[in-house]
Amino acid sequence: MTFLRNLWNDEQGQDLIEYTLLMAFVALASAALFIGAGGSVKGIWTTTNSQLAAAAASASS
């Protein structure tokens, strides 16, 4: 019975679990931001590509 009481009151691994959960939350939030920013980056590259193509076409004329 004393062993079970000591096991119940032991908080040694609690910090490790809390930090692991915090890191998992940060990783998921970062992934969500990167996925959301992907569309913006694609739009910037598409605009830049079309402007460079137009500049190359006008320079070669």
C-alpha atoms as a PDB file:
ATOM      1  CA  MET A   1       0.000   0.000   0.000  1.00  0.00           C
ATOM      2  CA  THR A   2       2.863   2.375   0.782  1.00  0.00           C
ATOM      3  CA  PHE A   3       4.350   1.677  -2.647  1.00  0.00           C
ATOM      4  CA  LEU A   4       1.118   2.696  -4.383  1.00  0.00           C
ATOM      5  CA  ARG A   5       0.836   5.855  -2.255  1.00  0.00           C
ATOM      6  CA  ASN A   6       4.435   6.821  -3.111  1.00  0.00           C
ATOM      7  CA  LEU A   7       3.806   6.126  -6.788  1.00  0.00           C
ATOM      8  CA  TRP A   8       0.673   8.279  -6.743  1.00  0.00           C
ATOM      9  CA  ASN A   9       2.466  11.196  -5.048  1.00  0.00           C
ATOM     10  CA  ASP A  10       5.577  11.010  -7.243  1.00  0.00           C
ATOM     11  CA  GLU A  11       5.683  13.981  -9.668  1.00  0.00           C
ATOM     12  CA  GLN A  12       9.134  13.410 -11.105  1.00  0.00           C
ATOM     13  CA  GLY A  13       7.999  12.753 -14.693  1.00  0.00           C
ATOM     14  CA  GLN A  14       5.375  15.480 -14.751  1.00  0.00           C
ATOM     15  CA  ASP A  15       7.683  18.176 -16.143  1.00  0.00           C
ATOM     16  CA  LEU A  16       8.778  15.966 -19.012  1.00  0.00           C
ATOM     17  CA  ILE A  17       5.180  15.333 -20.047  1.00  0.00           C
ATOM     18  CA  GLU A  18       4.298  19.026 -19.826  1.00  0.00           C
ATOM     19  CA  TYR A  19       7.264  20.073 -21.956  1.00  0.00           C
ATOM     20  CA  THR A  20       6.481  17.346 -24.488  1.00  0.00           C
ATOM     21  CA  LEU A  21       2.888  18.541 -24.791  1.00  0.00           C
ATOM     22  CA  LEU A  22       4.076  22.136 -25.146  1.00  0.00           C
ATOM     23  CA  MET A  23       6.515  21.182 -27.910  1.00  0.00           C
ATOM     24  CA  ALA A  24       3.789  19.210 -29.698  1.00  0.00           C
ATOM     25  CA  PHE A  25       1.486  22.235 -29.579  1.00  0.00           C
ATOM     26  CA  VAL A  26       4.206  24.535 -30.950  1.00  0.00           C
ATOM     27  CA  ALA A  27       4.967  22.056 -33.744  1.00  0.00           C
ATOM     28  CA  LEU A  28       1.300  21.800 -34.745  1.00  0.00           C
ATOM     29  CA  ALA A  29       0.856  25.574 -34.671  1.00  0.00           C
ATOM     30  CA  SER A  30       3.974  26.044 -36.808  1.00  0.00           C
ATOM     31  CA  ALA A  31       2.775  23.457 -39.311  1.00  0.00           C
ATOM     32  CA  ALA A  32      -0.574  25.213 -39.572  1.00  0.00           C
ATOM     33  CA  LEU A  33       1.152  28.540 -40.227  1.00  0.00           C
ATOM     34  CA  PHE A  34       3.406  27.051 -42.899  1.00  0.00           C
ATOM     35  CA  ILE A  35       0.456  25.423 -44.647  1.00  0.00           C
ATOM     36  CA  GLY A  36      -1.477  28.693 -44.529  1.00  0.00           C
ATOM     37  CA  ALA A  37       1.488  30.679 -45.834  1.00  0.00           C
ATOM     38  CA  GLY A  38       1.995  28.269 -48.746  1.00  0.00           C
ATOM     39  CA  GLY A  39      -0.755  29.894 -50.800  1.00  0.00           C
ATOM     40  CA  SER A  40       0.723  33.348 -50.286  1.00  0.00           C
ATOM     41  CA  VAL A  41       4.195  32.217 -51.324  1.00  0.00           C
ATOM     42  CA  LYS A  42       2.761  30.519 -54.406  1.00  0.00           C
ATOM     43  CA  GLY A  43       0.957  33.735 -55.339  1.00  0.00           C
ATOM     44  CA  ILE A  44       4.131  35.790 -54.966  1.00  0.00           C
ATOM     45  CA  TRP A  45       6.135  33.376 -57.159  1.00  0.00           C
ATOM     46  CA  THR A  46       3.377  33.303 -59.795  1.00  0.00           C
ATOM     47  CA  THR A  47       3.242  37.105 -59.967  1.00  0.00           C
ATOM     48  CA  THR A  48       7.022  37.371 -60.132  1.00  0.00           C
ATOM     49  CA  ASN A  49       7.220  34.751 -62.866  1.00  0.00           C
ATOM     50  CA  SER A  50       4.619  36.486 -65.011  1.00  0.00           C
ATOM     51  CA  GLN A  51       6.325  39.881 -64.571  1.00  0.00           C
ATOM     52  CA  LEU A  52       9.719  38.434 -65.507  1.00  0.00           C
ATOM     53  CA  ALA A  53       8.219  36.722 -68.549  1.00  0.00           C
ATOM     54  CA  ALA A  54       6.615  39.994 -69.656  1.00  0.00           C
ATOM     55  CA  ALA A  55       9.896  41.883 -69.140  1.00  0.00           C
ATOM     56  CA  ALA A  56      11.814  39.259 -71.117  1.00  0.00           C
ATOM     57  CA  ALA A  57       9.273  39.414 -73.946  1.00  0.00           C
ATOM     58  CA  SER A  58       9.410  43.208 -74.130  1.00  0.00           C
ATOM     59  CA  ALA A  59      13.229  43.223 -73.966  1.00  0.00           C
ATOM     60  CA  SER A  60      13.562  40.791 -76.843  1.00  0.00           C
ATOM     61  CA  SER A  61      11.182  42.754 -79.108  1.00  0.00           C
END
